[in-house]
Amino acid sequence: MSASPPRHPKAPPIPHAPGLTVETDEVAFGGRFAMQRVCFRYTRFDGTTSAPLTWELWRRGNGVLVLPYDPRADRVALIEQFRLPALAAGLPPIQAEAPAGLLEPQEDPAVAGARELLEEAGLRAGRMERIGGFLLMPGGCDEIVHHYCAEAEIPADGAGTHGLAHEGEDTRILILPAADAFRMVAENRVQGAPTALALLWLQLNRARLREEWTR
């Protein structure tokens, strides 16, 4: 009898939690990422047991996002790139985002973030401040994106494109005064939640960073 194929590395069994009963747990699809189908019951707030629920869970692992900020020039740099899911959602396919990427197992998010910043925007990170780790879609995906703000020397004008050719990346840098980037969020012209969150954090912490990072 042949052995069962190994389970997808990004789809380990659901961990134990108080009040949770997992009835079935299978990997429905395994490509670059995994789609896990889980049938479970859980204890409701009133103490009763829920009916059986079947959820599909998209397993992506951890990611990192870095918002580069130049405290002396008071500028930020975003990147623009083609996003098929945005088009499928009825949004413009060219999205303005902060540089981001997925982490390798056990990889330091700050190290990975500095690498992504260089690859996607051609900028080198100086001091980095952690913003936090946030779930993208708590109802359907396990991805936690670790957010950072990085000190960077951002020129007044950016030229050329960036990205890794073997990964199909094609990114174009977008350099903005910080106030203009905040206005983009207010006007809903930044439509990716992780980037909008990072810019809102910077809007709250901008004065402090300008003082601390220009000493």
Protein backbone atom coordinates (compact mmCIF):
# COMPACT_ATOMS: atom_id res chain seq x y z
CA MET A 1 0.00 0.00 0.00
CA SER A 2 1.42 3.38 -0.96
CA ALA A 3 1.88 6.01 1.70
CA SER A 4 -0.32 9.09 1.79
CA PRO A 5 1.22 12.14 0.12
CA PRO A 6 2.76 14.63 2.54
CA ARG A 7 0.47 17.39 3.73
CA HIS A 8 0.97 20.82 2.17
CA PRO A 9 3.57 22.65 4.30
CA LYS A 10 1.37 25.75 4.54
CA ALA A 11 -1.71 23.80 5.67
CA PRO A 12 -0.99 22.11 9.01
CA PRO A 13 -3.95 20.71 10.95
CA ILE A 14 -6.05 23.27 12.83
CA PRO A 15 -4.64 23.70 16.36
CA HIS A 16 -6.65 22.91 19.47
CA ALA A 17 -8.72 25.67 21.05
CA PRO A 18 -11.12 25.50 24.02
CA GLY A 19 -14.64 24.74 22.87
CA LEU A 20 -13.58 23.78 19.33
CA THR A 21 -14.29 20.34 17.86
CA VAL A 22 -12.79 19.67 14.43
CA GLU A 23 -14.73 16.94 12.65
CA THR A 24 -12.86 16.90 9.32
CA ASP A 25 -9.77 18.73 8.13
CA GLU A 26 -8.54 18.26 4.57
CA VAL A 27 -6.45 20.09 2.00
CA ALA A 28 -8.84 20.70 -0.88
CA PHE A 29 -6.21 22.28 -3.14
CA GLY A 30 -2.46 22.56 -2.90
CA GLY A 31 -0.56 24.80 -5.29
CA ARG A 32 1.72 27.67 -4.35
CA PHE A 33 -0.72 28.14 -1.47
CA ALA A 34 -3.22 25.73 0.04
CA MET A 35 -6.98 25.75 0.39
CA GLN A 36 -8.06 23.86 3.49
CA ARG A 37 -11.65 22.63 4.04
CA VAL A 38 -12.55 22.27 7.70
CA CYS A 39 -15.81 21.04 9.23
CA PHE A 40 -16.09 22.06 12.88
CA ARG A 41 -18.29 22.99 15.81
CA TYR A 42 -17.55 25.60 18.45
CA THR A 43 -19.01 26.75 21.75
CA ARG A 44 -21.24 29.78 21.25
CA PHE A 45 -21.33 32.75 23.63
CA ASP A 46 -24.45 31.34 25.34
CA GLY A 47 -22.61 28.08 26.10
CA THR A 48 -24.39 25.94 23.49
CA THR A 49 -22.62 24.03 20.75
CA SER A 50 -22.92 25.40 17.24
CA ALA A 51 -24.27 23.49 14.30
CA PRO A 52 -21.59 21.92 12.08
CA LEU A 53 -19.87 24.56 9.95
CA THR A 54 -17.73 23.96 6.86
CA TRP A 55 -15.27 26.69 5.99
CA GLU A 56 -12.67 27.01 3.27
CA LEU A 57 -9.48 28.48 4.66
CA TRP A 58 -6.85 30.03 2.39
CA ARG A 59 -3.43 29.33 3.93
CA ARG A 60 -0.82 31.92 2.91
CA GLY A 61 1.45 32.17 5.95
CA ASN A 62 3.10 35.42 7.05
CA GLY A 63 3.91 38.50 5.03
CA VAL A 64 5.61 41.84 5.55
CA LEU A 65 4.88 45.39 4.41
CA VAL A 66 7.26 48.34 4.65
CA LEU A 67 6.24 51.96 4.24
CA PRO A 68 9.34 54.05 3.41
CA TYR A 69 9.37 57.54 4.89
CA ASP A 70 11.94 60.32 4.46
CA PRO A 71 11.64 62.47 7.59
CA ARG A 72 13.85 65.26 6.27
CA ALA A 73 12.04 65.70 2.97
CA ASP A 74 8.68 64.62 4.50
CA ARG A 75 8.09 62.24 1.60
CA VAL A 76 6.81 58.70 1.23
CA ALA A 77 7.33 56.23 -1.59
CA LEU A 78 4.68 53.81 -2.79
CA ILE A 79 4.82 51.40 -5.70
CA GLU A 80 2.33 50.83 -8.49
CA GLN A 81 1.76 47.39 -9.97
CA PHE A 82 -0.85 45.31 -11.80
CA ARG A 83 -3.20 43.42 -9.48
CA LEU A 84 -5.54 40.86 -11.05
CA PRO A 85 -7.73 40.53 -7.90
CA ALA A 86 -8.35 44.29 -7.94
CA LEU A 87 -9.58 44.03 -11.53
CA ALA A 88 -11.81 41.08 -10.59
CA ALA A 89 -13.29 43.24 -7.80
CA GLY A 90 -14.16 46.00 -10.25
CA LEU A 91 -11.31 48.29 -9.17
CA PRO A 92 -8.46 49.78 -11.23
CA PRO A 93 -5.91 47.01 -11.86
CA ILE A 94 -2.96 49.34 -11.23
CA GLN A 95 -2.84 49.74 -7.47
CA ALA A 96 -0.71 52.06 -5.31
CA GLU A 97 0.79 50.08 -2.45
CA ALA A 98 3.66 49.94 -0.02
CA PRO A 99 6.37 47.39 -0.86
CA ALA A 100 5.47 43.99 0.56
CA GLY A 101 6.13 40.28 0.24
CA LEU A 102 5.80 36.87 1.84
CA LEU A 103 8.14 35.54 4.50
CA GLU A 104 10.14 32.35 4.26
CA PRO A 105 9.69 29.99 7.24
CA GLN A 106 11.31 31.44 10.38
CA GLU A 107 12.44 34.55 8.49
CA ASP A 108 12.85 37.81 10.43
CA PRO A 109 10.10 40.16 9.16
CA ALA A 110 12.32 43.26 9.44
CA VAL A 111 15.07 41.63 7.37
CA ALA A 112 12.55 40.48 4.78
CA GLY A 113 10.97 43.93 4.71
CA ALA A 114 14.28 45.64 3.99
CA ARG A 115 14.86 43.17 1.15
CA GLU A 116 11.41 43.79 -0.35
CA LEU A 117 11.93 47.55 -0.13
CA LEU A 118 15.15 47.30 -2.12
CA GLU A 119 13.73 44.85 -4.68
CA GLU A 120 10.44 46.62 -5.32
CA ALA A 121 11.32 50.30 -4.83
CA GLY A 122 15.10 50.48 -5.12
CA LEU A 123 15.31 52.06 -1.64
CA ARG A 124 17.50 51.12 1.30
CA ALA A 125 16.01 50.96 4.78
CA GLY A 126 17.59 52.85 7.64
CA ARG A 127 15.89 52.71 11.02
CA MET A 128 12.72 50.66 11.08
CA GLU A 129 9.79 50.90 13.46
CA ARG A 130 7.28 48.10 13.84
CA ILE A 131 3.66 49.13 13.34
CA GLY A 132 2.07 45.76 14.15
CA GLY A 133 0.92 42.44 12.75
CA PHE A 134 -2.55 42.31 11.21
CA LEU A 135 -4.79 39.64 9.69
CA LEU A 136 -5.83 40.48 6.14
CA MET A 137 -9.10 38.54 6.04
CA PRO A 138 -10.04 37.03 9.43
CA GLY A 139 -13.04 35.29 7.88
CA GLY A 140 -11.15 33.32 5.26
CA CYS A 141 -7.34 33.62 5.28
CA ASP A 142 -4.64 33.04 7.88
CA GLU A 143 -2.14 35.56 6.50
CA ILE A 144 -0.66 37.94 9.08
CA VAL A 145 1.11 40.93 7.54
CA HIS A 146 3.83 42.46 9.70
CA HIS A 147 3.81 46.22 9.09
CA TYR A 148 6.89 48.45 9.41
CA CYS A 149 7.78 52.04 8.70
CA ALA A 150 11.33 52.46 7.41
CA GLU A 151 13.51 55.52 7.34
CA ALA A 152 14.70 56.00 3.77
CA GLU A 153 16.31 58.65 1.64
CA ILE A 154 13.67 59.25 -1.02
CA PRO A 155 14.62 61.40 -4.02
CA ALA A 156 12.23 64.06 -5.32
CA ASP A 157 11.71 62.08 -8.52
CA GLY A 158 11.83 58.34 -9.05
CA ALA A 159 12.67 56.78 -12.36
CA GLY A 160 12.47 53.33 -13.84
CA THR A 161 10.83 50.14 -12.74
CA HIS A 162 11.82 47.50 -10.22
CA GLY A 163 10.96 43.98 -9.15
CA LEU A 164 12.32 40.47 -9.67
CA ALA A 165 11.95 39.33 -13.27
CA HIS A 166 11.87 35.63 -12.35
CA GLU A 167 8.86 36.30 -10.10
CA GLY A 168 7.07 38.32 -12.78
CA GLU A 169 7.30 41.53 -10.76
CA ASP A 170 7.00 44.89 -12.47
CA THR A 171 6.79 47.78 -10.00
CA ARG A 172 6.93 51.51 -10.61
CA ILE A 173 7.84 53.89 -7.81
CA LEU A 174 5.44 56.67 -6.84
CA ILE A 175 6.98 59.45 -4.73
CA LEU A 176 4.65 61.76 -2.83
CA PRO A 177 4.73 64.44 -0.14
CA ALA A 178 3.41 62.77 3.00
CA ALA A 179 0.37 65.06 3.06
CA ASP A 180 -0.57 63.98 -0.48
CA ALA A 181 -0.35 60.31 0.49
CA PHE A 182 -2.61 60.92 3.49
CA ARG A 183 -5.07 62.69 1.17
CA MET A 184 -5.11 59.65 -1.11
CA VAL A 185 -6.26 57.54 1.84
CA ALA A 186 -8.91 60.07 2.83
CA GLU A 187 -10.24 60.08 -0.75
CA ASN A 188 -10.18 56.25 -0.98
CA ARG A 189 -7.57 56.30 -3.73
CA VAL A 190 -5.48 53.81 -1.74
CA GLN A 191 -7.69 50.74 -1.91
CA GLY A 192 -5.46 48.11 -0.32
CA ALA A 193 -6.20 47.93 3.39
CA PRO A 194 -2.60 47.13 4.51
CA THR A 195 -1.17 50.21 2.78
CA ALA A 196 -4.00 52.44 3.99
CA LEU A 197 -3.41 51.21 7.55
CA ALA A 198 0.32 51.95 7.33
CA LEU A 199 -0.32 55.47 6.01
CA LEU A 200 -2.85 56.19 8.75
CA TRP A 201 -0.27 55.04 11.31
CA LEU A 202 2.30 57.37 9.78
CA GLN A 203 -0.17 60.24 9.86
CA LEU A 204 -0.48 59.72 13.62
CA ASN A 205 3.27 59.26 14.20
CA ARG A 206 4.73 61.61 11.59
CA ALA A 207 5.66 64.46 13.96
CA ARG A 208 7.38 62.08 16.38
CA LEU A 209 9.35 60.34 13.64
CA ARG A 210 10.47 63.65 12.15
CA GLU A 211 11.84 64.61 15.56
CA GLU A 212 13.45 61.26 16.38
CA TRP A 213 14.82 60.42 12.93
CA THR A 214 16.36 63.82 12.19
CA ARG A 215 18.49 64.14 15.33
